[in-house]
Amino acid sequence: MTQRAPASARTAGRPRSREADTAILTAALDLLIELGAAQTSIEQVARRAGVTRATVYRRFAGKTALLVEALEWANHDHDPGFTGWRDLGHMFADWAAHLAEPRNRRLLRRVNALVDDYPELIGTYRRLNGGRRAAVVRETLERAAGRGELPGGLDLGVVQEMLTGAVLNHLGSHPDDEGPDEIKAYFLAVVKQIGHRPAVTDGGGSI
């Protein structure tokens, strides 16, 4: 997955090396995946990135700030080019492409474990980014309902919770080498159970 420039590069102050930023965030993600948040330390990140501890601390106030930004970077949470999905099929295709990468799956499983292992980190990350991401999913569901692709009267909040559960179920019960087409079909099968009917064009094809 191609990574954008780290969000930390936006911080005002002395010029900084993008190479160092990338090395630090990559090291932080690698260690988060390998060891978990609780066992990851600034010292380990610096050593893995090939920089000094002082270099890391010049960029980040501490481990929580570093790991939050690493997660933002991995998930493109501040990508200005992302404006949402045109429909549920588009959203599921995007989710499937992300979940088809074994590294992303391992990272998501680590993030899910943060609820117990490192609640400060998951709380901070959700406060900073969870609202925006959830809002875009909700907007996609609302558009689908407005086009008649979902039955009337559905509680879209519950549908959104159901889809979150479907992601977690897939991470825990499906193999990590499953391809994007299979994963997308899994999500479509889930929403089919609540009456999802994809919109079709005049020619009969799916939009």
N, C-alpha and C. Protein backbone atom coordinates (compact mmCIF):
# COMPACT_ATOMS: atom_id res chain seq x y z
N MET A 1 0.85 -1.19 0.00
CA MET A 1 0.00 0.00 0.00
C MET A 1 0.89 1.24 0.00
N THR A 2 0.67 2.15 -0.94
CA THR A 2 1.46 3.37 -1.01
C THR A 2 1.10 4.30 0.12
N GLN A 3 2.12 4.76 0.85
CA GLN A 3 1.88 5.64 1.98
C GLN A 3 2.08 7.09 1.57
N ARG A 4 1.26 7.97 2.11
CA ARG A 4 1.42 9.39 1.88
C ARG A 4 2.47 9.94 2.82
N ALA A 5 2.80 11.22 2.66
CA ALA A 5 3.72 11.86 3.59
C ALA A 5 3.10 11.88 4.98
N PRO A 6 3.88 11.62 6.03
CA PRO A 6 3.33 11.59 7.38
C PRO A 6 2.62 12.89 7.75
N ALA A 7 1.53 12.75 8.49
CA ALA A 7 0.78 13.92 8.92
C ALA A 7 1.62 14.83 9.79
N SER A 8 2.61 14.24 10.51
CA SER A 8 3.43 15.04 11.41
C SER A 8 4.23 16.09 10.67
N ALA A 9 4.41 15.89 9.35
CA ALA A 9 5.16 16.87 8.57
C ALA A 9 4.44 18.22 8.50
N ARG A 10 3.14 18.23 8.89
CA ARG A 10 2.40 19.48 8.85
C ARG A 10 2.72 20.38 10.04
N THR A 11 3.36 19.81 11.08
CA THR A 11 3.60 20.56 12.30
C THR A 11 4.54 21.74 12.05
N ALA A 12 4.20 22.91 12.63
CA ALA A 12 5.04 24.08 12.47
C ALA A 12 6.36 23.89 13.22
N GLY A 13 7.40 24.58 12.77
CA GLY A 13 8.68 24.51 13.47
C GLY A 13 9.81 24.27 12.49
N ARG A 14 10.91 23.75 13.02
CA ARG A 14 12.10 23.56 12.19
C ARG A 14 11.82 22.55 11.08
N PRO A 15 12.49 22.69 9.90
CA PRO A 15 12.31 21.73 8.82
C PRO A 15 12.70 20.33 9.30
N ARG A 16 11.99 19.34 8.81
CA ARG A 16 12.25 17.99 9.24
C ARG A 16 12.43 17.08 8.04
N SER A 17 13.11 15.98 8.27
CA SER A 17 13.37 15.01 7.22
C SER A 17 12.16 14.10 7.04
N ARG A 18 11.62 14.06 5.83
CA ARG A 18 10.52 13.14 5.55
C ARG A 18 11.01 11.70 5.64
N GLU A 19 12.27 11.48 5.28
CA GLU A 19 12.81 10.13 5.37
C GLU A 19 12.81 9.64 6.82
N ALA A 20 13.19 10.53 7.74
CA ALA A 20 13.19 10.15 9.16
C ALA A 20 11.76 9.92 9.64
N ASP A 21 10.83 10.80 9.24
CA ASP A 21 9.44 10.64 9.63
C ASP A 21 8.92 9.27 9.17
N THR A 22 9.18 8.95 7.89
CA THR A 22 8.70 7.69 7.34
C THR A 22 9.32 6.50 8.05
N ALA A 23 10.62 6.58 8.32
CA ALA A 23 11.30 5.48 9.01
C ALA A 23 10.72 5.27 10.41
N ILE A 24 10.44 6.36 11.11
CA ILE A 24 9.92 6.26 12.48
C ILE A 24 8.51 5.67 12.47
N LEU A 25 7.65 6.17 11.59
CA LEU A 25 6.27 5.68 11.57
C LEU A 25 6.21 4.23 11.09
N THR A 26 7.05 3.88 10.12
CA THR A 26 7.10 2.49 9.66
C THR A 26 7.56 1.57 10.78
N ALA A 27 8.58 1.99 11.51
CA ALA A 27 9.07 1.19 12.63
C ALA A 27 8.00 1.04 13.70
N ALA A 28 7.29 2.13 13.99
CA ALA A 28 6.23 2.08 15.01
C ALA A 28 5.13 1.10 14.61
N LEU A 29 4.72 1.13 13.34
CA LEU A 29 3.70 0.19 12.88
C LEU A 29 4.19 -1.24 12.92
N ASP A 30 5.43 -1.47 12.48
CA ASP A 30 5.99 -2.83 12.50
C ASP A 30 5.99 -3.38 13.92
N LEU A 31 6.43 -2.57 14.88
CA LEU A 31 6.50 -3.03 16.26
C LEU A 31 5.11 -3.21 16.87
N LEU A 32 4.18 -2.34 16.51
CA LEU A 32 2.80 -2.48 16.98
C LEU A 32 2.24 -3.82 16.51
N ILE A 33 2.48 -4.17 15.25
CA ILE A 33 1.99 -5.43 14.70
C ILE A 33 2.69 -6.62 15.36
N GLU A 34 3.99 -6.52 15.53
CA GLU A 34 4.77 -7.64 16.05
C GLU A 34 4.59 -7.86 17.56
N LEU A 35 4.55 -6.76 18.32
CA LEU A 35 4.60 -6.86 19.77
C LEU A 35 3.33 -6.41 20.48
N GLY A 36 2.54 -5.57 19.84
CA GLY A 36 1.43 -4.93 20.51
C GLY A 36 1.85 -3.59 21.09
N ALA A 37 0.88 -2.75 21.38
CA ALA A 37 1.18 -1.39 21.83
C ALA A 37 1.88 -1.35 23.18
N ALA A 38 1.42 -2.18 24.10
CA ALA A 38 1.97 -2.13 25.45
C ALA A 38 3.45 -2.46 25.48
N GLN A 39 3.89 -3.34 24.58
CA GLN A 39 5.29 -3.78 24.58
C GLN A 39 6.18 -2.94 23.66
N THR A 40 5.59 -2.03 22.92
CA THR A 40 6.37 -1.16 22.04
C THR A 40 6.87 0.04 22.83
N SER A 41 8.12 0.41 22.61
CA SER A 41 8.71 1.55 23.32
C SER A 41 9.36 2.52 22.34
N ILE A 42 9.54 3.74 22.79
CA ILE A 42 10.23 4.74 21.98
C ILE A 42 11.64 4.26 21.64
N GLU A 43 12.31 3.63 22.60
CA GLU A 43 13.66 3.14 22.38
C GLU A 43 13.70 2.10 21.26
N GLN A 44 12.73 1.19 21.26
CA GLN A 44 12.67 0.18 20.21
C GLN A 44 12.39 0.81 18.85
N VAL A 45 11.48 1.78 18.83
CA VAL A 45 11.15 2.45 17.56
C VAL A 45 12.38 3.16 17.02
N ALA A 46 13.11 3.88 17.87
CA ALA A 46 14.30 4.59 17.43
C ALA A 46 15.33 3.62 16.86
N ARG A 47 15.54 2.52 17.56
CA ARG A 47 16.52 1.54 17.11
C ARG A 47 16.12 0.93 15.77
N ARG A 48 14.83 0.57 15.64
CA ARG A 48 14.35 -0.03 14.39
C ARG A 48 14.43 0.98 13.24
N ALA A 49 14.17 2.25 13.52
CA ALA A 49 14.18 3.29 12.48
C ALA A 49 15.58 3.78 12.14
N GLY A 50 16.55 3.45 12.99
CA GLY A 50 17.92 3.90 12.75
C GLY A 50 18.13 5.36 13.08
N VAL A 51 17.39 5.84 14.10
CA VAL A 51 17.54 7.23 14.54
C VAL A 51 17.75 7.23 16.06
N THR A 52 18.02 8.40 16.62
CA THR A 52 18.19 8.50 18.06
C THR A 52 16.85 8.70 18.75
N ARG A 53 16.81 8.42 20.05
CA ARG A 53 15.60 8.68 20.82
C ARG A 53 15.25 10.16 20.77
N ALA A 54 16.27 11.02 20.78
CA ALA A 54 16.02 12.46 20.72
C ALA A 54 15.31 12.83 19.42
N THR A 55 15.65 12.17 18.33
CA THR A 55 15.00 12.45 17.05
C THR A 55 13.52 12.12 17.13
N VAL A 56 13.18 11.00 17.75
CA VAL A 56 11.78 10.63 17.90
C VAL A 56 11.05 11.64 18.79
N TYR A 57 11.66 12.00 19.91
CA TYR A 57 11.00 12.91 20.84
C TYR A 57 10.87 14.33 20.29
N ARG A 58 11.71 14.70 19.34
CA ARG A 58 11.53 16.02 18.70
C ARG A 58 10.26 16.05 17.86
N ARG A 59 9.81 14.88 17.43
CA ARG A 59 8.65 14.80 16.56
C ARG A 59 7.36 14.44 17.30
N PHE A 60 7.49 13.69 18.39
CA PHE A 60 6.31 13.18 19.08
C PHE A 60 6.48 13.36 20.59
N ALA A 61 5.38 13.74 21.24
CA ALA A 61 5.44 14.00 22.67
C ALA A 61 5.66 12.73 23.48
N GLY A 62 5.28 11.60 22.94
CA GLY A 62 5.43 10.34 23.66
C GLY A 62 4.91 9.20 22.83
N LYS A 63 4.84 8.02 23.43
CA LYS A 63 4.46 6.82 22.68
C LYS A 63 3.04 6.90 22.15
N THR A 64 2.11 7.39 22.95
CA THR A 64 0.72 7.46 22.50
C THR A 64 0.59 8.36 21.28
N ALA A 65 1.22 9.53 21.32
CA ALA A 65 1.17 10.45 20.17
C ALA A 65 1.78 9.81 18.93
N LEU A 66 2.89 9.10 19.12
CA LEU A 66 3.56 8.45 18.00
C LEU A 66 2.66 7.38 17.39
N LEU A 67 2.06 6.53 18.22
CA LEU A 67 1.25 5.44 17.69
C LEU A 67 -0.06 5.94 17.07
N VAL A 68 -0.63 7.01 17.64
CA VAL A 68 -1.82 7.59 17.02
C VAL A 68 -1.49 8.07 15.61
N GLU A 69 -0.37 8.79 15.47
CA GLU A 69 -0.03 9.28 14.13
C GLU A 69 0.33 8.15 13.19
N ALA A 70 0.95 7.10 13.71
CA ALA A 70 1.26 5.95 12.87
C ALA A 70 -0.01 5.31 12.34
N LEU A 71 -1.04 5.21 13.18
CA LEU A 71 -2.32 4.66 12.72
C LEU A 71 -2.99 5.57 11.72
N GLU A 72 -2.94 6.89 11.95
CA GLU A 72 -3.49 7.85 10.99
C GLU A 72 -2.81 7.69 9.63
N TRP A 73 -1.50 7.55 9.68
CA TRP A 73 -0.71 7.42 8.45
C TRP A 73 -1.07 6.14 7.71
N ALA A 74 -1.18 5.04 8.44
CA ALA A 74 -1.50 3.75 7.83
C ALA A 74 -2.89 3.76 7.20
N ASN A 75 -3.83 4.47 7.84
CA ASN A 75 -5.22 4.45 7.38
C ASN A 75 -5.59 5.63 6.50
N HIS A 76 -4.63 6.50 6.19
CA HIS A 76 -4.89 7.68 5.34
C HIS A 76 -6.04 8.52 5.90
N ASP A 77 -6.06 8.69 7.23
CA ASP A 77 -7.18 9.36 7.86
C ASP A 77 -7.31 10.83 7.48
N HIS A 78 -6.22 11.45 7.04
CA HIS A 78 -6.28 12.86 6.68
C HIS A 78 -6.03 13.07 5.18
N ASP A 79 -6.30 12.05 4.39
CA ASP A 79 -6.08 12.12 2.95
C ASP A 79 -7.09 13.09 2.33
N PRO A 80 -6.64 14.24 1.81
CA PRO A 80 -7.59 15.21 1.25
C PRO A 80 -8.27 14.71 -0.02
N GLY A 81 -7.69 13.69 -0.64
CA GLY A 81 -8.28 13.16 -1.86
C GLY A 81 -9.47 12.25 -1.62
N PHE A 82 -9.68 11.84 -0.37
CA PHE A 82 -10.80 10.94 -0.08
C PHE A 82 -12.05 11.75 0.23
N THR A 83 -13.08 11.56 -0.59
CA THR A 83 -14.33 12.30 -0.40
C THR A 83 -15.51 11.37 -0.14
N GLY A 84 -15.25 10.10 0.08
CA GLY A 84 -16.32 9.15 0.35
C GLY A 84 -16.48 8.15 -0.78
N TRP A 85 -17.53 7.33 -0.67
CA TRP A 85 -17.81 6.28 -1.65
C TRP A 85 -19.11 6.60 -2.37
N ARG A 86 -19.19 6.24 -3.63
CA ARG A 86 -20.39 6.58 -4.40
C ARG A 86 -21.58 5.67 -4.06
N ASP A 87 -21.31 4.43 -3.59
CA ASP A 87 -22.39 3.52 -3.21
C ASP A 87 -21.81 2.42 -2.34
N LEU A 88 -22.66 1.50 -1.89
CA LEU A 88 -22.20 0.44 -1.00
C LEU A 88 -21.21 -0.48 -1.70
N GLY A 89 -21.45 -0.78 -2.97
CA GLY A 89 -20.52 -1.64 -3.70
C GLY A 89 -19.12 -1.05 -3.75
N HIS A 90 -19.06 0.26 -3.98
CA HIS A 90 -17.77 0.96 -4.00
C HIS A 90 -17.11 0.91 -2.63
N MET A 91 -17.90 1.12 -1.57
CA MET A 91 -17.36 1.07 -0.22
C MET A 91 -16.83 -0.32 0.11
N PHE A 92 -17.60 -1.35 -0.23
CA PHE A 92 -17.17 -2.70 0.08
C PHE A 92 -15.94 -3.10 -0.73
N ALA A 93 -15.84 -2.61 -1.96
CA ALA A 93 -14.65 -2.90 -2.76
C ALA A 93 -13.41 -2.28 -2.12
N ASP A 94 -13.56 -1.08 -1.59
CA ASP A 94 -12.45 -0.41 -0.90
C ASP A 94 -12.07 -1.16 0.37
N TRP A 95 -13.07 -1.53 1.16
CA TRP A 95 -12.80 -2.31 2.37
C TRP A 95 -12.12 -3.62 2.02
N ALA A 96 -12.60 -4.28 0.96
CA ALA A 96 -12.06 -5.58 0.58
C ALA A 96 -10.60 -5.48 0.15
N ALA A 97 -10.28 -4.42 -0.61
CA ALA A 97 -8.89 -4.24 -1.03
C ALA A 97 -7.98 -4.05 0.18
N HIS A 98 -8.47 -3.33 1.19
CA HIS A 98 -7.68 -3.11 2.40
C HIS A 98 -7.53 -4.41 3.19
N LEU A 99 -8.62 -5.16 3.33
CA LEU A 99 -8.60 -6.38 4.13
C LEU A 99 -7.89 -7.53 3.42
N ALA A 100 -7.67 -7.40 2.12
CA ALA A 100 -6.95 -8.45 1.39
C ALA A 100 -5.45 -8.42 1.66
N GLU A 101 -4.96 -7.34 2.29
CA GLU A 101 -3.54 -7.23 2.63
C GLU A 101 -3.31 -7.82 4.02
N PRO A 102 -2.55 -8.92 4.13
CA PRO A 102 -2.34 -9.56 5.44
C PRO A 102 -1.78 -8.60 6.49
N ARG A 103 -0.90 -7.68 6.10
CA ARG A 103 -0.35 -6.73 7.06
C ARG A 103 -1.46 -5.86 7.65
N ASN A 104 -2.38 -5.40 6.81
CA ASN A 104 -3.49 -4.59 7.30
C ASN A 104 -4.36 -5.38 8.27
N ARG A 105 -4.55 -6.65 7.99
CA ARG A 105 -5.37 -7.49 8.86
C ARG A 105 -4.71 -7.64 10.23
N ARG A 106 -3.40 -7.87 10.23
CA ARG A 106 -2.70 -8.02 11.51
C ARG A 106 -2.76 -6.73 12.31
N LEU A 107 -2.62 -5.60 11.59
CA LEU A 107 -2.70 -4.31 12.27
C LEU A 107 -4.08 -4.09 12.87
N LEU A 108 -5.13 -4.40 12.12
CA LEU A 108 -6.49 -4.21 12.63
C LEU A 108 -6.77 -5.10 13.84
N ARG A 109 -6.23 -6.29 13.84
CA ARG A 109 -6.41 -7.16 15.01
C ARG A 109 -5.70 -6.57 16.23
N ARG A 110 -4.52 -5.99 16.01
CA ARG A 110 -3.83 -5.33 17.11
C ARG A 110 -4.63 -4.13 17.61
N VAL A 111 -5.19 -3.35 16.69
CA VAL A 111 -5.97 -2.18 17.08
C VAL A 111 -7.19 -2.61 17.89
N ASN A 112 -7.84 -3.68 17.47
CA ASN A 112 -9.00 -4.17 18.21
C ASN A 112 -8.63 -4.59 19.63
N ALA A 113 -7.43 -5.13 19.80
CA ALA A 113 -6.98 -5.56 21.13
C ALA A 113 -6.64 -4.39 22.04
N LEU A 114 -6.50 -3.19 21.48
CA LEU A 114 -6.13 -2.03 22.29
C LEU A 114 -7.18 -1.68 23.34
N VAL A 115 -8.42 -2.12 23.11
CA VAL A 115 -9.49 -1.84 24.07
C VAL A 115 -9.08 -2.30 25.47
N ASP A 116 -8.42 -3.45 25.54
CA ASP A 116 -7.96 -3.97 26.82
C ASP A 116 -6.48 -3.68 27.07
N ASP A 117 -5.66 -3.74 26.01
CA ASP A 117 -4.21 -3.66 26.18
C ASP A 117 -3.69 -2.24 26.37
N TYR A 118 -4.34 -1.27 25.72
CA TYR A 118 -3.83 0.10 25.77
C TYR A 118 -5.00 1.05 25.54
N PRO A 119 -5.94 1.13 26.49
CA PRO A 119 -7.16 1.93 26.29
C PRO A 119 -6.88 3.40 26.02
N GLU A 120 -5.78 3.94 26.55
CA GLU A 120 -5.46 5.35 26.29
C GLU A 120 -5.25 5.59 24.80
N LEU A 121 -4.57 4.67 24.14
CA LEU A 121 -4.28 4.84 22.71
C LEU A 121 -5.55 4.73 21.89
N ILE A 122 -6.35 3.70 22.11
CA ILE A 122 -7.55 3.54 21.29
C ILE A 122 -8.54 4.67 21.56
N GLY A 123 -8.59 5.15 22.82
CA GLY A 123 -9.48 6.26 23.12
C GLY A 123 -9.07 7.53 22.39
N THR A 124 -7.77 7.82 22.39
CA THR A 124 -7.27 9.01 21.70
C THR A 124 -7.48 8.89 20.21
N TYR A 125 -7.19 7.73 19.64
CA TYR A 125 -7.34 7.55 18.19
C TYR A 125 -8.80 7.69 17.76
N ARG A 126 -9.69 7.08 18.51
CA ARG A 126 -11.11 7.18 18.15
C ARG A 126 -11.62 8.60 18.29
N ARG A 127 -11.15 9.31 19.30
CA ARG A 127 -11.59 10.69 19.49
C ARG A 127 -11.14 11.56 18.32
N LEU A 128 -9.94 11.32 17.81
CA LEU A 128 -9.40 12.14 16.74
C LEU A 128 -9.94 11.76 15.37
N ASN A 129 -10.20 10.47 15.14
CA ASN A 129 -10.50 10.02 13.78
C ASN A 129 -11.77 9.20 13.62
N GLY A 130 -12.24 8.57 14.70
CA GLY A 130 -13.39 7.69 14.56
C GLY A 130 -14.63 8.40 14.07
N GLY A 131 -14.85 9.64 14.51
CA GLY A 131 -16.05 10.36 14.12
C GLY A 131 -16.12 10.60 12.63
N ARG A 132 -15.00 11.02 12.04
CA ARG A 132 -14.98 11.30 10.61
C ARG A 132 -15.23 10.04 9.80
N ARG A 133 -14.55 8.96 10.14
CA ARG A 133 -14.68 7.72 9.39
C ARG A 133 -16.11 7.17 9.51
N ALA A 134 -16.65 7.19 10.72
CA ALA A 134 -18.01 6.69 10.92
C ALA A 134 -19.03 7.54 10.17
N ALA A 135 -18.78 8.86 10.10
CA ALA A 135 -19.71 9.75 9.41
C ALA A 135 -19.76 9.44 7.92
N VAL A 136 -18.62 9.11 7.32
CA VAL A 136 -18.60 8.81 5.89
C VAL A 136 -19.35 7.51 5.60
N VAL A 137 -19.19 6.51 6.48
CA VAL A 137 -19.94 5.26 6.32
C VAL A 137 -21.44 5.55 6.44
N ARG A 138 -21.82 6.35 7.42
CA ARG A 138 -23.24 6.67 7.60
C ARG A 138 -23.80 7.40 6.38
N GLU A 139 -23.04 8.33 5.82
CA GLU A 139 -23.49 9.04 4.62
C GLU A 139 -23.72 8.08 3.46
N THR A 140 -22.86 7.08 3.32
CA THR A 140 -23.00 6.10 2.25
C THR A 140 -24.26 5.26 2.46
N LEU A 141 -24.53 4.89 3.69
CA LEU A 141 -25.75 4.14 3.99
C LEU A 141 -26.99 4.99 3.73
N GLU A 142 -26.93 6.26 4.10
CA GLU A 142 -28.08 7.14 3.89
C GLU A 142 -28.37 7.32 2.40
N ARG A 143 -27.33 7.46 1.59
CA ARG A 143 -27.54 7.58 0.15
C ARG A 143 -28.15 6.31 -0.42
N ALA A 144 -27.67 5.15 0.06
CA ALA A 144 -28.21 3.88 -0.41
C ALA A 144 -29.69 3.76 -0.04
N ALA A 145 -30.04 4.17 1.17
CA ALA A 145 -31.44 4.14 1.58
C ALA A 145 -32.27 5.09 0.73
N GLY A 146 -31.72 6.27 0.45
CA GLY A 146 -32.44 7.25 -0.35
C GLY A 146 -32.69 6.79 -1.76
N ARG A 147 -31.81 5.94 -2.29
CA ARG A 147 -32.01 5.41 -3.64
C ARG A 147 -32.87 4.15 -3.65
N GLY A 148 -33.32 3.73 -2.49
CA GLY A 148 -34.15 2.53 -2.42
C GLY A 148 -33.37 1.24 -2.45
N GLU A 149 -32.06 1.30 -2.25
CA GLU A 149 -31.24 0.08 -2.24
C GLU A 149 -31.36 -0.67 -0.91
N LEU A 150 -31.85 0.01 0.12
CA LEU A 150 -32.11 -0.60 1.41
C LEU A 150 -33.58 -0.43 1.75
N PRO A 151 -34.17 -1.39 2.46
CA PRO A 151 -35.59 -1.28 2.80
C PRO A 151 -35.88 -0.06 3.68
N GLY A 152 -37.02 0.50 3.53
CA GLY A 152 -37.42 1.61 4.38
C GLY A 152 -37.59 1.17 5.82
N GLY A 153 -37.35 2.08 6.73
CA GLY A 153 -37.55 1.79 8.14
C GLY A 153 -36.36 1.16 8.84
N LEU A 154 -35.27 0.89 8.12
CA LEU A 154 -34.09 0.33 8.78
C LEU A 154 -33.46 1.35 9.71
N ASP A 155 -32.98 0.89 10.84
CA ASP A 155 -32.19 1.74 11.73
C ASP A 155 -30.75 1.70 11.21
N LEU A 156 -30.33 2.78 10.54
CA LEU A 156 -29.02 2.77 9.90
C LEU A 156 -27.88 2.74 10.90
N GLY A 157 -28.13 3.23 12.11
CA GLY A 157 -27.12 3.11 13.15
C GLY A 157 -26.84 1.65 13.49
N VAL A 158 -27.90 0.85 13.56
CA VAL A 158 -27.73 -0.57 13.82
C VAL A 158 -27.05 -1.25 12.64
N VAL A 159 -27.41 -0.86 11.41
CA VAL A 159 -26.77 -1.43 10.23
C VAL A 159 -25.26 -1.13 10.26
N GLN A 160 -24.91 0.08 10.65
CA GLN A 160 -23.50 0.45 10.72
C GLN A 160 -22.77 -0.40 11.76
N GLU A 161 -23.40 -0.60 12.92
CA GLU A 161 -22.82 -1.47 13.94
C GLU A 161 -22.67 -2.90 13.41
N MET A 162 -23.63 -3.35 12.65
CA MET A 162 -23.60 -4.69 12.07
C MET A 162 -22.41 -4.84 11.12
N LEU A 163 -22.15 -3.80 10.32
CA LEU A 163 -21.04 -3.86 9.39
C LEU A 163 -19.70 -3.85 10.12
N THR A 164 -19.63 -3.08 11.21
CA THR A 164 -18.41 -3.11 12.03
C THR A 164 -18.18 -4.51 12.57
N GLY A 165 -19.25 -5.15 13.04
CA GLY A 165 -19.14 -6.52 13.52
C GLY A 165 -18.73 -7.48 12.41
N ALA A 166 -19.21 -7.23 11.19
CA ALA A 166 -18.84 -8.08 10.06
C ALA A 166 -17.35 -7.99 9.77
N VAL A 167 -16.79 -6.79 9.87
CA VAL A 167 -15.35 -6.62 9.67
C VAL A 167 -14.58 -7.43 10.72
N LEU A 168 -14.98 -7.28 11.99
CA LEU A 168 -14.29 -8.00 13.06
C LEU A 168 -14.43 -9.50 12.90
N ASN A 169 -15.61 -9.96 12.49
CA ASN A 169 -15.81 -11.39 12.25
C ASN A 169 -14.89 -11.89 11.14
N HIS A 170 -14.78 -11.10 10.07
CA HIS A 170 -13.93 -11.53 8.96
C HIS A 170 -12.47 -11.62 9.40
N LEU A 171 -12.03 -10.66 10.20
CA LEU A 171 -10.65 -10.68 10.68
C LEU A 171 -10.36 -11.91 11.53
N GLY A 172 -11.37 -12.38 12.26
CA GLY A 172 -11.14 -13.49 13.17
C GLY A 172 -11.45 -14.86 12.62
N SER A 173 -12.30 -14.93 11.59
CA SER A 173 -12.77 -16.24 11.15
C SER A 173 -12.46 -16.58 9.70
N HIS A 174 -11.88 -15.66 8.96
CA HIS A 174 -11.53 -15.93 7.56
C HIS A 174 -10.01 -15.93 7.40
N PRO A 175 -9.50 -16.69 6.44
CA PRO A 175 -8.05 -16.76 6.24
C PRO A 175 -7.48 -15.44 5.74
N ASP A 176 -6.23 -15.18 6.10
CA ASP A 176 -5.59 -13.92 5.72
C ASP A 176 -5.23 -13.85 4.24
N ASP A 177 -5.33 -14.97 3.52
CA ASP A 177 -5.00 -14.96 2.10
C ASP A 177 -6.23 -14.88 1.21
N GLU A 178 -7.38 -14.56 1.80
CA GLU A 178 -8.60 -14.42 1.00
C GLU A 178 -8.47 -13.19 0.10
N GLY A 179 -8.92 -13.31 -1.15
CA GLY A 179 -8.77 -12.24 -2.11
C GLY A 179 -9.85 -11.17 -2.01
N PRO A 180 -9.63 -10.02 -2.64
CA PRO A 180 -10.59 -8.91 -2.54
C PRO A 180 -11.97 -9.24 -3.09
N ASP A 181 -12.05 -10.04 -4.15
CA ASP A 181 -13.37 -10.37 -4.71
C ASP A 181 -14.18 -11.19 -3.71
N GLU A 182 -13.52 -12.13 -3.04
CA GLU A 182 -14.20 -12.95 -2.04
C GLU A 182 -14.65 -12.11 -0.85
N ILE A 183 -13.80 -11.17 -0.45
CA ILE A 183 -14.14 -10.34 0.71
C ILE A 183 -15.30 -9.41 0.39
N LYS A 184 -15.28 -8.83 -0.81
CA LYS A 184 -16.40 -7.97 -1.20
C LYS A 184 -17.69 -8.78 -1.25
N ALA A 185 -17.63 -10.00 -1.77
CA ALA A 185 -18.82 -10.85 -1.83
C ALA A 185 -19.35 -11.15 -0.44
N TYR A 186 -18.44 -11.29 0.52
CA TYR A 186 -18.84 -11.52 1.92
C TYR A 186 -19.67 -10.35 2.44
N PHE A 187 -19.21 -9.11 2.22
CA PHE A 187 -19.97 -7.95 2.70
C PHE A 187 -21.31 -7.82 1.97
N LEU A 188 -21.31 -8.09 0.68
CA LEU A 188 -22.58 -8.02 -0.06
C LEU A 188 -23.56 -9.07 0.43
N ALA A 189 -23.05 -10.25 0.80
CA ALA A 189 -23.92 -11.30 1.34
C ALA A 189 -24.50 -10.87 2.69
N VAL A 190 -23.71 -10.16 3.49
CA VAL A 190 -24.20 -9.68 4.78
C VAL A 190 -25.36 -8.71 4.59
N VAL A 191 -25.17 -7.70 3.72
CA VAL A 191 -26.24 -6.70 3.57
C VAL A 191 -27.43 -7.25 2.78
N LYS A 192 -27.21 -8.31 2.02
CA LYS A 192 -28.35 -8.94 1.32
C LYS A 192 -29.36 -9.47 2.33
N GLN A 193 -28.88 -9.87 3.50
CA GLN A 193 -29.77 -10.42 4.52
C GLN A 193 -30.70 -9.37 5.11
N ILE A 194 -30.37 -8.09 4.93
CA ILE A 194 -31.27 -7.04 5.41
C ILE A 194 -32.02 -6.38 4.26
N GLY A 195 -31.96 -7.03 3.08
CA GLY A 195 -32.75 -6.56 1.96
C GLY A 195 -32.06 -5.63 1.00
N HIS A 196 -30.71 -5.58 1.03
CA HIS A 196 -30.00 -4.72 0.09
C HIS A 196 -30.22 -5.19 -1.34
N ARG A 197 -30.60 -4.25 -2.20
CA ARG A 197 -30.75 -4.52 -3.62
C ARG A 197 -29.98 -3.46 -4.39
N PRO A 198 -28.85 -3.82 -5.01
CA PRO A 198 -28.05 -2.83 -5.73
C PRO A 198 -28.85 -2.16 -6.83
N ALA A 199 -28.63 -0.86 -6.99
CA ALA A 199 -29.28 -0.14 -8.09
C ALA A 199 -28.74 -0.67 -9.41
N VAL A 200 -29.55 -0.64 -10.45
CA VAL A 200 -29.13 -1.11 -11.76
C VAL A 200 -29.32 -0.01 -12.78
N THR A 201 -28.52 -0.09 -13.84
CA THR A 201 -28.66 0.86 -14.94
C THR A 201 -29.75 0.38 -15.88
N ASP A 202 -30.05 1.19 -16.89
CA ASP A 202 -31.06 0.81 -17.89
C ASP A 202 -30.68 -0.48 -18.59
N GLY A 203 -29.36 -0.70 -18.72
CA GLY A 203 -28.90 -1.92 -19.39
C GLY A 203 -28.92 -3.13 -18.49
N GLY A 204 -29.31 -2.96 -17.23
CA GLY A 204 -29.40 -4.09 -16.32
C GLY A 204 -28.17 -4.33 -15.51
N GLY A 205 -27.13 -3.55 -15.75
CA GLY A 205 -25.90 -3.75 -15.00
C GLY A 205 -25.90 -2.99 -13.70
N SER A 206 -25.05 -3.43 -12.81
CA SER A 206 -24.95 -2.75 -11.51
C SER A 206 -24.24 -1.42 -11.68
N ILE A 207 -24.70 -0.38 -11.00
CA ILE A 207 -24.07 0.94 -11.08
C ILE A 207 -22.73 0.90 -10.38
